[in-house]
C-alpha atoms as a PDB file:
ATOM      1  CA  MET A   1     118.282 117.752 135.604  1.00  0.00           C
ATOM      2  CA  PRO A   2     118.598 113.924 135.612  1.00  0.00           C
ATOM      3  CA  GLN A   3     122.034 112.778 134.536  1.00  0.00           C
ATOM      4  CA  PRO A   4     122.891 109.557 132.697  1.00  0.00           C
ATOM      5  CA  THR A   5     123.440 106.676 135.084  1.00  0.00           C
ATOM      6  CA  ILE A   6     126.683 104.798 134.492  1.00  0.00           C
ATOM      7  CA  THR A   7     126.693 101.354 136.070  1.00  0.00           C
ATOM      8  CA  THR A   8     129.800  99.890 134.440  1.00  0.00           C
ATOM      9  CA  THR A   9     133.498 100.209 135.196  1.00  0.00           C
ATOM     10  CA  TYR A  10     136.209 101.650 132.975  1.00  0.00           C
ATOM     11  CA  ALA A  11     139.408  99.694 132.401  1.00  0.00           C
ATOM     12  CA  GLY A  12     141.772 100.557 129.577  1.00  0.00           C
ATOM     13  CA  GLU A  13     140.757 102.125 126.273  1.00  0.00           C
ATOM     14  CA  PHE A  14     137.107 102.479 125.355  1.00  0.00           C
ATOM     15  CA  ALA A  15     136.171  99.787 122.846  1.00  0.00           C
ATOM     16  CA  GLY A  16     134.330 102.330 120.706  1.00  0.00           C
ATOM     17  CA  LYS A  17     130.891 100.726 120.891  1.00  0.00           C
ATOM     18  CA  TYR A  18     127.727 101.737 122.697  1.00  0.00           C
ATOM     19  CA  ILE A  19     124.936  99.225 123.076  1.00  0.00           C
ATOM     20  CA  ALA A  20     121.286  99.425 124.058  1.00  0.00           C
ATOM     21  CA  ALA A  21     118.455  97.042 124.751  1.00  0.00           C
ATOM     22  CA  ALA A  22     117.027  95.532 121.576  1.00  0.00           C
ATOM     23  CA  LEU A  23     114.123  97.517 120.189  1.00  0.00           C
ATOM     24  CA  LEU A  24     110.974  96.150 118.651  1.00  0.00           C
ATOM     25  CA  SER A  25     111.150  96.747 114.917  1.00  0.00           C
ATOM     26  CA  GLY A  26     108.588  99.145 113.491  1.00  0.00           C
ATOM     27  CA  ASN A  27     107.981  96.682 110.684  1.00  0.00           C
ATOM     28  CA  THR A  28     104.391  97.583 109.748  1.00  0.00           C
ATOM     29  CA  LEU A  29     105.492 100.873 108.213  1.00  0.00           C
ATOM     30  CA  SER A  30     109.012  99.914 107.146  1.00  0.00           C
ATOM     31  CA  GLN A  31     107.711  96.926 105.172  1.00  0.00           C
ATOM     32  CA  GLY A  32     104.778  98.792 103.638  1.00  0.00           C
ATOM     33  CA  ALA A  33     102.123  96.576 105.221  1.00  0.00           C
ATOM     34  CA  ILE A  34      99.587  99.428 105.236  1.00  0.00           C
ATOM     35  CA  GLU A  35      99.013 102.536 103.122  1.00  0.00           C
ATOM     36  CA  ILE A  36     101.100 105.562 104.130  1.00  0.00           C
ATOM     37  CA  LYS A  37      99.572 108.980 103.532  1.00  0.00           C
ATOM     38  CA  PRO A  38     102.271 111.649 103.960  1.00  0.00           C
ATOM     39  CA  ASN A  39     102.041 115.433 103.722  1.00  0.00           C
ATOM     40  CA  ILE A  40      98.912 115.730 105.888  1.00  0.00           C
ATOM     41  CA  LYS A  41      99.206 119.194 107.360  1.00  0.00           C
ATOM     42  CA  PHE A  42      96.101 119.010 109.559  1.00  0.00           C
ATOM     43  CA  LYS A  43      93.547 116.408 108.498  1.00  0.00           C
ATOM     44  CA  GLU A  44      92.544 114.490 105.405  1.00  0.00           C
ATOM     45  CA  VAL A  45      89.238 113.012 104.278  1.00  0.00           C
ATOM     46  CA  ILE A  46      89.099 109.383 103.161  1.00  0.00           C
ATOM     47  CA  LYS A  47      86.143 109.016 100.787  1.00  0.00           C
ATOM     48  CA  LYS A  48      84.122 105.801 100.785  1.00  0.00           C
ATOM     49  CA  VAL A  49      81.859 104.869  97.875  1.00  0.00           C
ATOM     50  CA  ALA A  50      79.035 102.313  98.175  1.00  0.00           C
ATOM     51  CA  THR A  51      76.794 101.369  95.238  1.00  0.00           C
ATOM     52  CA  SER A  52      73.723  99.166  94.934  1.00  0.00           C
ATOM     53  CA  GLY A  53      71.092  98.211  92.347  1.00  0.00           C
ATOM     54  CA  LEU A  54      73.186  99.251  89.360  1.00  0.00           C
ATOM     55  CA  ILE A  55      72.057  96.527  86.938  1.00  0.00           C
ATOM     56  CA  GLY A  56      68.565  96.653  85.385  1.00  0.00           C
ATOM     57  CA  ASP A  57      66.720  95.105  82.439  1.00  0.00           C
ATOM     58  CA  GLU A  58      67.606  96.266  78.936  1.00  0.00           C
ATOM     59  CA  SER A  59      65.532  99.007  77.278  1.00  0.00           C
ATOM     60  CA  CYS A  60      65.885 101.589  74.512  1.00  0.00           C
ATOM     61  CA  ASP A  61      65.744 104.458  76.971  1.00  0.00           C
ATOM     62  CA  PHE A  62      68.171 105.689  79.586  1.00  0.00           C
ATOM     63  CA  THR A  63      66.682 104.621  82.880  1.00  0.00           C
ATOM     64  CA  ASN A  64      68.493 105.834  85.922  1.00  0.00           C
ATOM     65  CA  ALA A  65      68.892 102.977  88.372  1.00  0.00           C
ATOM     66  CA  GLY A  66      70.912 102.199  91.434  1.00  0.00           C
ATOM     67  CA  ALA A  67      72.182 104.265  94.295  1.00  0.00           C
ATOM     68  CA  VAL A  68      75.571 105.739  95.064  1.00  0.00           C
ATOM     69  CA  THR A  69      76.337 106.565  98.686  1.00  0.00           C
ATOM     70  CA  LEU A  70      79.343 108.666  99.591  1.00  0.00           C
ATOM     71  CA  THR A  71      80.588 108.574 103.144  1.00  0.00           C
ATOM     72  CA  GLU A  72      83.889 109.597 104.638  1.00  0.00           C
ATOM     73  CA  ARG A  73      86.378 109.029 107.405  1.00  0.00           C
ATOM     74  CA  ILE A  74      88.783 111.585 108.769  1.00  0.00           C
ATOM     75  CA  ILE A  75      92.451 110.911 109.431  1.00  0.00           C
ATOM     76  CA  GLN A  76      93.955 113.601 111.639  1.00  0.00           C
ATOM     77  CA  PRO A  77      97.524 112.952 112.791  1.00  0.00           C
ATOM     78  CA  ASP A  78      98.386 114.066 116.309  1.00  0.00           C
ATOM     79  CA  GLN A  79     101.504 116.076 117.109  1.00  0.00           C
ATOM     80  CA  PHE A  80     104.330 114.589 119.169  1.00  0.00           C
ATOM     81  CA  GLN A  81     107.802 115.525 120.291  1.00  0.00           C
ATOM     82  CA  VAL A  82     110.935 114.144 121.888  1.00  0.00           C
ATOM     83  CA  ASN A  83     112.776 116.471 124.291  1.00  0.00           C
ATOM     84  CA  LEU A  84     115.777 114.888 125.963  1.00  0.00           C
ATOM     85  CA  GLU A  85     118.587 116.613 127.836  1.00  0.00           C
ATOM     86  CA  LEU A  86     121.741 115.088 129.246  1.00  0.00           C
ATOM     87  CA  CYS A  87     124.909 116.436 130.788  1.00  0.00           C
ATOM     88  CA  LYS A  88     128.349 115.831 129.292  1.00  0.00           C
ATOM     89  CA  THR A  89     130.039 115.609 132.708  1.00  0.00           C
ATOM     90  CA  PRO A  90     129.695 111.826 133.171  1.00  0.00           C
ATOM     91  CA  PHE A  91     131.489 111.281 129.874  1.00  0.00           C
ATOM     92  CA  GLU A  92     134.416 113.492 130.858  1.00  0.00           C
ATOM     93  CA  SER A  93     135.637 110.950 133.373  1.00  0.00           C
ATOM     94  CA  ASP A  94     134.403 107.771 131.801  1.00  0.00           C
ATOM     95  CA  TRP A  95     134.224 106.035 128.440  1.00  0.00           C
ATOM     96  CA  GLY A  96     134.414 109.014 126.093  1.00  0.00           C
ATOM     97  CA  ALA A  97     137.088 111.073 127.890  1.00  0.00           C
ATOM     98  CA  VAL A  98     139.764 110.789 125.213  1.00  0.00           C
ATOM     99  CA  SER A  99     137.449 111.372 122.268  1.00  0.00           C
ATOM    100  CA  MET A 100     136.017 114.485 123.936  1.00  0.00           C
ATOM    101  CA  GLY A 101     139.417 116.122 124.151  1.00  0.00           C
ATOM    102  CA  TYR A 102     140.990 117.821 127.141  1.00  0.00           C
ATOM    103  CA  SER A 103     139.500 121.300 126.728  1.00  0.00           C
ATOM    104  CA  ALA A 104     137.107 122.728 129.307  1.00  0.00           C
ATOM    105  CA  PHE A 105     134.656 123.151 126.425  1.00  0.00           C
ATOM    106  CA  ASP A 106     134.160 119.487 125.718  1.00  0.00           C
ATOM    107  CA  ASN A 107     131.872 118.168 123.032  1.00  0.00           C
ATOM    108  CA  LEU A 108     129.705 115.090 123.376  1.00  0.00           C
ATOM    109  CA  PRO A 109     131.737 112.052 122.249  1.00  0.00           C
ATOM    110  CA  PRO A 110     131.106 111.731 118.511  1.00  0.00           C
ATOM    111  CA  ASP A 111     130.475 107.983 118.683  1.00  0.00           C
ATOM    112  CA  PHE A 112     127.955 108.445 121.466  1.00  0.00           C
ATOM    113  CA  ALA A 113     126.292 111.343 119.660  1.00  0.00           C
ATOM    114  CA  SER A 114     125.681 109.151 116.609  1.00  0.00           C
ATOM    115  CA  PHE A 115     124.468 106.325 118.804  1.00  0.00           C
ATOM    116  CA  LEU A 116     122.102 108.595 120.726  1.00  0.00           C
ATOM    117  CA  ILE A 117     120.525 109.990 117.567  1.00  0.00           C
ATOM    118  CA  ALA A 118     120.017 106.514 116.096  1.00  0.00           C
ATOM    119  CA  HIS A 119     118.683 105.194 119.393  1.00  0.00           C
ATOM    120  CA  VAL A 120     116.084 107.964 119.734  1.00  0.00           C
ATOM    121  CA  ALA A 121     114.918 107.366 116.151  1.00  0.00           C
ATOM    122  CA  LYS A 122     114.522 103.645 116.856  1.00  0.00           C
ATOM    123  CA  GLU A 123     112.662 104.321 120.108  1.00  0.00           C
ATOM    124  CA  VAL A 124     110.196 106.490 118.193  1.00  0.00           C
ATOM    125  CA  ALA A 125     109.799 103.779 115.544  1.00  0.00           C
ATOM    126  CA  GLN A 126     109.047 101.218 118.254  1.00  0.00           C
ATOM    127  CA  ALA A 127     106.508 103.456 119.987  1.00  0.00           C
ATOM    128  CA  THR A 128     104.836 104.257 116.677  1.00  0.00           C
ATOM    129  CA  GLU A 129     104.541 100.564 115.810  1.00  0.00           C
ATOM    130  CA  GLN A 130     102.805  99.840 119.114  1.00  0.00           C
ATOM    131  CA  ASN A 131     100.584 102.928 118.952  1.00  0.00           C
ATOM    132  CA  LEU A 132      99.651 102.161 115.360  1.00  0.00           C
ATOM    133  CA  TRP A 133      97.894  98.969 116.424  1.00  0.00           C
ATOM    134  CA  ASN A 134      96.909  99.422 120.051  1.00  0.00           C
ATOM    135  CA  GLY A 135      97.510 103.038 121.049  1.00  0.00           C
ATOM    136  CA  SER A 136      95.093 105.222 123.014  1.00  0.00           C
ATOM    137  CA  ALA A 137      94.814 108.967 122.551  1.00  0.00           C
ATOM    138  CA  ALA A 138      94.008 109.195 126.277  1.00  0.00           C
ATOM    139  CA  VAL A 139      97.629 108.268 127.016  1.00  0.00           C
ATOM    140  CA  ALA A 140     100.294 110.947 126.637  1.00  0.00           C
ATOM    141  CA  GLY A 141     102.526 110.373 123.618  1.00  0.00           C
ATOM    142  CA  SER A 142     100.041 108.056 121.930  1.00  0.00           C
ATOM    143  CA  PHE A 143      97.244 108.108 119.367  1.00  0.00           C
ATOM    144  CA  ASP A 144      94.237 105.842 118.816  1.00  0.00           C
ATOM    145  CA  GLY A 145      95.392 102.654 117.105  1.00  0.00           C
ATOM    146  CA  PHE A 146      93.588 100.284 114.771  1.00  0.00           C
ATOM    147  CA  VAL A 147      92.393  97.816 117.422  1.00  0.00           C
ATOM    148  CA  PRO A 148      90.642 100.441 119.633  1.00  0.00           C
ATOM    149  CA  LEU A 149      89.124 102.131 116.574  1.00  0.00           C
ATOM    150  CA  MET A 150      87.856  98.816 115.200  1.00  0.00           C
ATOM    151  CA  THR A 151      86.558  97.690 118.579  1.00  0.00           C
ATOM    152  CA  ALA A 152      84.346 100.775 118.777  1.00  0.00           C
ATOM    153  CA  ASP A 153      83.025 100.371 115.213  1.00  0.00           C
ATOM    154  CA  ALA A 154      79.835  98.331 114.794  1.00  0.00           C
ATOM    155  CA  ASP A 155      80.567  97.869 111.079  1.00  0.00           C
ATOM    156  CA  VAL A 156      83.711  95.854 111.755  1.00  0.00           C
ATOM    157  CA  ILE A 157      83.222  92.085 111.686  1.00  0.00           C
ATOM    158  CA  ASP A 158      83.987  90.792 115.174  1.00  0.00           C
ATOM    159  CA  VAL A 159      85.259  87.298 115.919  1.00  0.00           C
ATOM    160  CA  VAL A 160      85.299  86.190 119.543  1.00  0.00           C
ATOM    161  CA  GLY A 161      88.722  84.874 120.388  1.00  0.00           C
ATOM    162  CA  THR A 162      90.603  83.023 123.068  1.00  0.00           C
ATOM    163  CA  ALA A 163      94.171  82.581 124.281  1.00  0.00           C
ATOM    164  CA  ILE A 164      96.094  81.153 121.323  1.00  0.00           C
ATOM    165  CA  ASP A 165      98.734  78.438 121.434  1.00  0.00           C
ATOM    166  CA  SER A 166     100.125  75.883 119.005  1.00  0.00           C
ATOM    167  CA  ALA A 167      97.270  73.474 119.751  1.00  0.00           C
ATOM    168  CA  ASN A 168      94.458  75.807 118.673  1.00  0.00           C
ATOM    169  CA  VAL A 169      96.110  78.374 116.404  1.00  0.00           C
ATOM    170  CA  ILE A 170      95.053  76.742 113.124  1.00  0.00           C
ATOM    171  CA  ALA A 171      91.431  76.530 114.226  1.00  0.00           C
ATOM    172  CA  GLU A 172      91.426  80.116 115.501  1.00  0.00           C
ATOM    173  CA  LEU A 173      93.003  81.483 112.326  1.00  0.00           C
ATOM    174  CA  GLY A 174      90.394  79.482 110.439  1.00  0.00           C
ATOM    175  CA  LYS A 175      87.686  81.469 112.230  1.00  0.00           C
ATOM    176  CA  VAL A 176      89.221  84.663 110.892  1.00  0.00           C
ATOM    177  CA  VAL A 177      89.371  83.297 107.352  1.00  0.00           C
ATOM    178  CA  ASP A 178      85.748  82.149 107.572  1.00  0.00           C
ATOM    179  CA  ALA A 179      84.674  85.645 108.635  1.00  0.00           C
ATOM    180  CA  ILE A 180      86.355  87.372 105.687  1.00  0.00           C
ATOM    181  CA  PRO A 181      83.659  88.613 103.258  1.00  0.00           C
ATOM    182  CA  SER A 182      83.541  86.677  99.987  1.00  0.00           C
ATOM    183  CA  SER A 183      84.087  89.933  98.096  1.00  0.00           C
ATOM    184  CA  LEU A 184      87.540  90.207  99.701  1.00  0.00           C
ATOM    185  CA  TYR A 185      88.731  86.624  99.631  1.00  0.00           C
ATOM    186  CA  GLY A 186      91.344  86.184  96.923  1.00  0.00           C
ATOM    187  CA  LYS A 187      92.274  89.883  96.714  1.00  0.00           C
ATOM    188  CA  ASP A 188      95.996  90.429  96.178  1.00  0.00           C
ATOM    189  CA  ASP A 189      96.364  92.911  99.037  1.00  0.00           C
ATOM    190  CA  LEU A 190      94.339  90.949 101.582  1.00  0.00           C
ATOM    191  CA  TYR A 191      96.354  90.159 104.702  1.00  0.00           C
ATOM    192  CA  ILE A 192      95.806  88.596 108.073  1.00  0.00           C
ATOM    193  CA  TYR A 193      97.817  90.682 110.546  1.00  0.00           C
ATOM    194  CA  VAL A 194      98.940  88.665 113.569  1.00  0.00           C
ATOM    195  CA  PRO A 195     101.026  89.411 116.678  1.00  0.00           C
ATOM    196  CA  GLN A 196     104.228  87.587 117.452  1.00  0.00           C
ATOM    197  CA  ASN A 197     102.652  85.092 119.854  1.00  0.00           C
ATOM    198  CA  VAL A 198     100.244  83.903 117.146  1.00  0.00           C
ATOM    199  CA  ALA A 199     103.017  83.709 114.557  1.00  0.00           C
ATOM    200  CA  LYS A 200     105.192  81.624 116.881  1.00  0.00           C
ATOM    201  CA  ALA A 201     102.325  79.272 117.657  1.00  0.00           C
ATOM    202  CA  TYR A 202     101.486  78.904 113.960  1.00  0.00           C
ATOM    203  CA  VAL A 203     105.077  78.132 112.957  1.00  0.00           C
ATOM    204  CA  ARG A 204     105.269  75.533 115.719  1.00  0.00           C
ATOM    205  CA  ALA A 205     101.986  73.991 114.615  1.00  0.00           C
ATOM    206  CA  LEU A 206     103.060  73.828 110.978  1.00  0.00           C
ATOM    207  CA  GLY A 207     106.381  72.390 112.042  1.00  0.00           C
ATOM    208  CA  GLY A 208     104.615  69.351 113.425  1.00  0.00           C
ATOM    209  CA  TYR A 209     105.106  69.945 117.121  1.00  0.00           C
ATOM    210  CA  SER A 210     101.594  70.688 118.354  1.00  0.00           C
ATOM    211  CA  ALA A 211      98.987  68.247 119.618  1.00  0.00           C
ATOM    212  CA  ILE A 212      96.480  69.134 116.892  1.00  0.00           C
ATOM    213  CA  THR A 213      99.051  68.777 114.109  1.00  0.00           C
ATOM    214  CA  ASN A 214     100.225  65.440 115.414  1.00  0.00           C
ATOM    215  CA  ALA A 215      96.651  64.199 115.625  1.00  0.00           C
ATOM    216  CA  GLN A 216      95.910  65.272 112.061  1.00  0.00           C
ATOM    217  CA  GLY A 217      99.180  63.861 110.803  1.00  0.00           C
ATOM    218  CA  GLY A 218      98.853  60.503 112.475  1.00  0.00           C
ATOM    219  CA  GLY A 219     101.376  61.303 115.164  1.00  0.00           C
ATOM    220  CA  VAL A 220     104.192  62.170 112.762  1.00  0.00           C
ATOM    221  CA  ALA A 221     105.992  65.257 114.002  1.00  0.00           C
ATOM    222  CA  GLY A 222     108.204  65.822 110.985  1.00  0.00           C
ATOM    223  CA  GLY A 223     106.676  69.081 109.851  1.00  0.00           C
ATOM    224  CA  ILE A 224     106.921  70.467 106.323  1.00  0.00           C
ATOM    225  CA  ASP A 225     109.325  68.417 104.201  1.00  0.00           C
ATOM    226  CA  ASN A 226     110.344  66.643 107.421  1.00  0.00           C
ATOM    227  CA  LYS A 227     112.245  69.747 108.530  1.00  0.00           C
ATOM    228  CA  GLY A 228     110.284  70.464 111.683  1.00  0.00           C
ATOM    229  CA  THR A 229     110.252  74.199 112.387  1.00  0.00           C
ATOM    230  CA  LEU A 230     113.429  74.686 110.350  1.00  0.00           C
ATOM    231  CA  TRP A 231     111.380  75.220 107.190  1.00  0.00           C
ATOM    232  CA  TYR A 232     110.465  78.730 108.335  1.00  0.00           C
ATOM    233  CA  GLY A 233     112.795  81.269 106.777  1.00  0.00           C
ATOM    234  CA  GLY A 234     110.833  84.496 107.124  1.00  0.00           C
ATOM    235  CA  GLN A 235     107.302  85.757 107.458  1.00  0.00           C
ATOM    236  CA  GLU A 236     106.809  85.974 103.682  1.00  0.00           C
ATOM    237  CA  ASN A 237     106.352  82.200 103.831  1.00  0.00           C
ATOM    238  CA  LEU A 238     103.322  82.373 106.122  1.00  0.00           C
ATOM    239  CA  SER A 239      99.782  82.014 104.817  1.00  0.00           C
ATOM    240  CA  ILE A 240      96.607  80.174 105.687  1.00  0.00           C
ATOM    241  CA  ASP A 241      93.875  79.007 103.313  1.00  0.00           C
ATOM    242  CA  GLY A 242      95.367  81.156 100.570  1.00  0.00           C
ATOM    243  CA  VAL A 243      95.510  84.355 102.641  1.00  0.00           C
ATOM    244  CA  LYS A 244      98.907  85.936 103.326  1.00  0.00           C
ATOM    245  CA  ILE A 245      99.915  86.458 106.949  1.00  0.00           C
ATOM    246  CA  PHE A 246     101.843  89.526 108.113  1.00  0.00           C
ATOM    247  CA  VAL A 247     103.508  89.513 111.526  1.00  0.00           C
ATOM    248  CA  ALA A 248     102.791  92.984 112.945  1.00  0.00           C
ATOM    249  CA  ASN A 249     105.173  93.513 115.845  1.00  0.00           C
ATOM    250  CA  GLY A 250     102.931  96.112 117.474  1.00  0.00           C
ATOM    251  CA  LEU A 251      99.797  93.975 117.675  1.00  0.00           C
ATOM    252  CA  PRO A 252      99.050  92.810 121.232  1.00  0.00           C
ATOM    253  CA  ASN A 253      98.847  89.106 121.980  1.00  0.00           C
ATOM    254  CA  ASP A 254      95.808  87.213 120.702  1.00  0.00           C
ATOM    255  CA  LYS A 255      94.552  90.127 118.570  1.00  0.00           C
ATOM    256  CA  ILE A 256      94.195  89.460 114.842  1.00  0.00           C
ATOM    257  CA  VAL A 257      93.104  91.769 112.025  1.00  0.00           C
ATOM    258  CA  ALA A 258      92.128  90.735 108.507  1.00  0.00           C
ATOM    259  CA  ALA A 259      91.897  93.546 105.968  1.00  0.00           C
ATOM    260  CA  GLU A 260      93.124  94.761 102.639  1.00  0.00           C
ATOM    261  CA  ARG A 261      96.371  96.678 102.839  1.00  0.00           C
ATOM    262  CA  SER A 262      94.714  99.440 100.818  1.00  0.00           C
ATOM    263  CA  ASN A 263      92.015  99.813 103.502  1.00  0.00           C
ATOM    264  CA  LEU A 264      94.431 100.663 106.334  1.00  0.00           C
ATOM    265  CA  PHE A 265      96.065 104.091 106.483  1.00  0.00           C
ATOM    266  CA  PHE A 266      98.874 105.715 108.428  1.00  0.00           C
ATOM    267  CA  GLY A 267      98.932 109.501 108.198  1.00  0.00           C
ATOM    268  CA  THR A 268     101.788 111.848 108.964  1.00  0.00           C
ATOM    269  CA  GLY A 269     103.214 115.193 107.935  1.00  0.00           C
ATOM    270  CA  LEU A 270     106.570 114.258 106.435  1.00  0.00           C
ATOM    271  CA  MET A 271     108.007 110.763 106.621  1.00  0.00           C
ATOM    272  CA  SER A 272     111.464 112.367 106.780  1.00  0.00           C
ATOM    273  CA  ASP A 273     110.517 113.716 110.214  1.00  0.00           C
ATOM    274  CA  TYR A 274     110.958 110.171 111.543  1.00  0.00           C
ATOM    275  CA  ASN A 275     114.641 110.345 110.636  1.00  0.00           C
ATOM    276  CA  LEU A 276     115.227 113.968 111.638  1.00  0.00           C
ATOM    277  CA  VAL A 277     116.677 114.124 115.129  1.00  0.00           C
ATOM    278  CA  LYS A 278     118.427 117.329 116.195  1.00  0.00           C
ATOM    279  CA  LEU A 279     121.253 117.299 118.691  1.00  0.00           C
ATOM    280  CA  ILE A 280     122.026 120.732 120.152  1.00  0.00           C
ATOM    281  CA  ASP A 281     125.083 121.471 122.289  1.00  0.00           C
ATOM    282  CA  MET A 282     123.982 124.139 124.775  1.00  0.00           C
ATOM    283  CA  ALA A 283     127.524 125.315 125.635  1.00  0.00           C
ATOM    284  CA  ASP A 284     127.453 128.190 123.137  1.00  0.00           C
ATOM    285  CA  LEU A 285     123.896 129.162 124.101  1.00  0.00           C
ATOM    286  CA  ASP A 286     123.816 129.207 127.897  1.00  0.00           C
ATOM    287  CA  GLY A 287     127.307 128.124 128.927  1.00  0.00           C
ATOM    288  CA  SER A 288     126.083 124.823 130.360  1.00  0.00           C
ATOM    289  CA  LYS A 289     127.445 121.345 129.726  1.00  0.00           C
ATOM    290  CA  ASN A 290     124.077 120.067 128.573  1.00  0.00           C
ATOM    291  CA  VAL A 291     123.165 118.515 125.253  1.00  0.00           C
ATOM    292  CA  ARG A 292     119.568 118.442 124.004  1.00  0.00           C
ATOM    293  CA  VAL A 293     117.993 115.916 121.669  1.00  0.00           C
ATOM    294  CA  ILE A 294     114.903 117.196 119.846  1.00  0.00           C
ATOM    295  CA  MET A 295     112.461 115.511 117.479  1.00  0.00           C
ATOM    296  CA  ARG A 296     108.993 116.557 116.312  1.00  0.00           C
ATOM    297  CA  PHE A 297     106.576 114.546 114.196  1.00  0.00           C
ATOM    298  CA  THR A 298     102.893 113.798 113.592  1.00  0.00           C
ATOM    299  CA  ALA A 299     101.167 110.420 113.413  1.00  0.00           C
ATOM    300  CA  GLY A 300      97.694 108.876 113.241  1.00  0.00           C
ATOM    301  CA  VAL A 301      95.828 105.944 111.700  1.00  0.00           C
ATOM    302  CA  GLN A 302      92.447 105.287 110.132  1.00  0.00           C
ATOM    303  CA  TYR A 303      90.772 102.650 107.990  1.00  0.00           C
ATOM    304  CA  GLY A 304      88.327 103.154 105.155  1.00  0.00           C
ATOM    305  CA  ILE A 305      85.521 100.577 105.161  1.00  0.00           C
ATOM    306  CA  GLY A 306      84.724  98.927 108.477  1.00  0.00           C
ATOM    307  CA  SER A 307      82.613  96.147 106.962  1.00  0.00           C
ATOM    308  CA  ASP A 308      85.718  94.980 105.060  1.00  0.00           C
ATOM    309  CA  VAL A 309      87.661  94.463 108.280  1.00  0.00           C
ATOM    310  CA  VAL A 310      87.702  91.405 110.546  1.00  0.00           C
ATOM    311  CA  LEU A 311      88.816  91.836 114.162  1.00  0.00           C
ATOM    312  CA  TYR A 312      89.625  88.772 116.253  1.00  0.00           C
ATOM    313  CA  SER A 313      89.693  89.741 119.890  1.00  0.00           C
END
């Protein structure tokens, strides 16, 4: 079994802190940027209603007119698990030696146990955020994300894109706004979902430090209220042409989605599963010095009406 690799030296008392590489925040779900449908045991049907020709000329009689078309989409979360095993031996002679005690039946250092549980939960949140937007069911541990699903759907409004930087970001975002159906424009839950590279370019452009902004502003690079890029205090401030912008950390570079929040769905069994990580000490079970970390959950995405979605790609 692979054992943890320790690449640091021990000198004096352990400072009591474990650190890990920074993880990408799973902000799409944590900030409620799409609809979350919990308690899906197997699959759930999303009903779509389309009507036409409802209004006719007045008469004294009841005259049936118009058509109602019911269609549906299926959201079926896939099942996933985390199975991780590590040996306590490296900690007996290193950082956690004192906190483990001096018995032959050592426990995993309590500080490290808490850290490990939190770290696994954050890793799952990061993977879910990336899968949610760009995952592929053909890859182990992943499910089909919004971008692949939308790419394969002829009903989705496609906008041909390019590599985005601060010089062209306003024009490219304008293409997305122009493609939004008039029936959606102005809706309260309409968002343009952008990746981090687009958000950075847009903030820089609005701050007055891009070629296109300088040209439009007569060469003045003062930005909003002459504060340059310092005006930006959080993504809730971002919008374009009246449409709110949400920075979706899991979106790949140069991919943009415009849709109503209520048209995008994340399905799972129980949301609490994302915070339920079990740590099992195997000493009492098989006499080994191993510790197992276990997590099981389900996840999947779907959208309702493809013709109400714009995909810039």
